[in-house]
Protein backbone atom coordinates (compact mmCIF):
# COMPACT_ATOMS: atom_id res chain seq x y z
CA MET A 1 96.98 102.85 87.57
CA VAL A 2 97.54 99.43 86.79
CA ASP A 3 101.02 98.31 87.56
CA GLU A 4 102.19 96.39 84.70
CA ASN A 5 104.69 95.09 87.12
CA MET A 6 102.73 93.64 89.87
CA ARG A 7 101.58 89.94 89.63
CA ALA A 8 98.14 88.48 90.18
CA LEU A 9 97.04 85.00 91.90
CA SER A 10 94.24 83.51 90.98
CA ILE A 11 91.67 82.56 93.53
CA ARG A 12 88.21 81.11 92.99
CA GLN A 13 85.12 83.38 94.09
CA PRO A 14 83.98 83.45 96.75
CA HIS A 15 87.65 82.57 98.40
CA ALA A 16 88.48 85.62 96.67
CA GLU A 17 85.91 87.68 98.02
CA ALA A 18 86.13 86.31 101.51
CA VAL A 19 90.30 87.29 101.14
CA LEU A 20 89.14 90.93 100.42
CA ARG A 21 86.77 91.27 103.48
CA GLY A 22 89.55 89.95 105.25
CA GLU A 23 88.06 87.06 106.56
CA LYS A 24 89.75 84.44 104.36
CA VAL A 25 93.75 85.47 105.53
CA ILE A 26 95.62 81.62 105.08
CA GLU A 27 95.78 80.65 100.63
CA TYR A 28 96.27 77.18 100.90
CA ARG A 29 98.92 75.84 97.83
CA SER A 30 100.46 72.57 96.35
CA ARG A 31 103.73 74.74 96.10
CA ALA A 32 105.60 76.97 98.53
CA THR A 33 106.44 80.42 97.18
CA LYS A 34 109.33 82.65 98.29
CA ILE A 35 107.25 85.65 96.52
CA ARG A 36 106.30 88.46 99.23
CA GLY A 37 104.28 91.45 99.13
CA ARG A 38 101.46 92.72 97.05
CA PHE A 39 99.25 91.38 94.46
CA TYR A 40 96.57 91.29 92.58
CA ILE A 41 93.70 89.86 93.19
CA TYR A 42 92.19 87.91 90.01
CA ALA A 43 88.75 86.27 90.28
CA GLY A 44 88.99 82.90 88.33
CA GLY A 45 85.94 82.26 86.28
CA LYS A 46 85.14 78.27 87.65
CA VAL A 47 82.55 77.95 89.55
CA GLU A 48 83.80 75.97 93.03
CA ASP A 49 81.54 72.77 93.64
CA ASP A 50 80.92 73.60 96.67
CA TYR A 51 79.86 77.59 96.86
CA ASP A 52 77.25 77.58 98.97
CA TRP A 53 78.54 75.75 102.26
CA TRP A 54 82.31 78.22 101.53
CA MET A 55 79.44 81.14 101.55
CA ASP A 56 77.98 80.53 105.48
CA PHE A 57 82.09 79.95 106.47
CA TYR A 58 82.63 83.42 105.44
CA GLY A 59 79.17 84.77 106.80
CA ILE A 60 79.20 86.15 102.68
CA ASP A 61 75.35 86.60 102.60
CA ASP A 62 74.76 89.95 101.56
CA VAL A 63 75.58 89.24 98.19
CA ALA A 64 74.42 85.95 95.83
CA TYR A 65 76.97 84.43 94.87
CA ALA A 66 75.85 84.42 91.33
CA ASP A 67 76.56 88.19 91.64
CA LEU A 68 80.27 87.63 92.74
CA PRO A 69 82.77 89.02 90.10
CA ARG A 70 84.42 86.50 88.05
CA GLY A 71 86.80 86.10 85.48
CA VAL A 72 87.71 90.25 86.20
CA VAL A 73 91.24 91.84 89.10
CA VAL A 74 88.64 92.63 92.12
CA GLY A 75 91.34 94.12 94.29
CA THR A 76 94.51 93.26 95.44
CA ALA A 77 96.80 91.83 98.99
CA GLU A 78 99.55 91.56 100.21
CA LEU A 79 101.85 88.00 100.62
CA TYR A 80 103.89 88.12 103.90
CA ASP A 81 104.63 84.88 104.45
CA CYS A 82 105.45 81.41 103.83
CA SER A 83 104.89 77.26 105.80
CA SER A 84 108.08 75.97 104.81
CA GLU A 85 106.30 72.84 105.02
CA PRO A 86 103.31 71.83 103.62
CA ASP A 87 100.38 70.74 105.98
CA GLU A 88 99.22 67.26 106.28
CA ASP A 89 96.90 67.18 103.80
CA GLY A 90 100.13 68.48 101.70
CA TYR A 91 99.18 72.19 101.53
CA TYR A 92 100.93 75.58 102.17
CA HIS A 93 100.02 78.18 103.60
CA TRP A 94 100.34 81.60 102.23
CA CYS A 95 100.17 84.72 104.75
CA LEU A 96 97.30 87.23 103.42
CA CYS A 97 97.43 90.29 104.68
CA ASN A 98 95.77 94.29 103.95
CA PRO A 99 93.57 93.56 101.74
CA GLU A 100 92.43 96.17 99.04
CA PRO A 101 89.39 96.48 96.57
CA VAL A 102 90.33 97.95 93.37
CA LYS A 103 87.93 100.86 92.25
CA GLU A 104 86.67 99.24 89.25
CA LEU A 105 87.13 96.19 88.14
CA LEU A 106 89.75 95.50 85.79
CA LYS A 107 90.28 92.59 82.77
CA PRO A 108 93.27 91.33 82.25
CA LEU A 109 95.45 91.96 79.29
CA GLY A 110 96.05 88.32 78.30
CA GLN A 111 94.82 85.09 79.44
CA ALA A 112 94.68 84.46 82.81
CA GLN A 113 97.05 81.92 84.37
CA PRO A 114 95.59 79.00 87.46
CA ALA A 115 98.29 80.93 90.16
CA TRP A 116 100.64 83.74 88.83
CA PHE A 117 100.51 85.40 86.23
CA TYR A 118 100.71 89.55 85.13
CA PRO A 119 97.58 90.58 84.16
CA PHE A 120 98.54 93.92 82.75
CA ARG A 121 101.75 93.30 80.99
CA LYS A 122 101.71 94.88 77.54
CA ARG A 123 103.19 91.61 75.37
């Protein structure tokens, strides 16, 4: 059952897959957030330029990059903290934990957004 009040965060592949596997526990964003709690992981449709490098970095070798789902909600995770200052590259560290894949990939009702959005709210 979907929760229409739960936000989703768009994350490109293979980063979304790495979050689900517990390999990626920090999400780097250009803005801080005060949002905490469980959220949907939306695997964005845009292709990551250096995907071969990232697949190797995360140790994802049991699935091809082309076979990673895109344009759907792939799971949930918890955001439990955020750095108060950006790092030397200007990024805030969003701390993630407790990832869980969804039982069935879910297509959002409306248009996905680059960051936070509500994928299952009826308009």
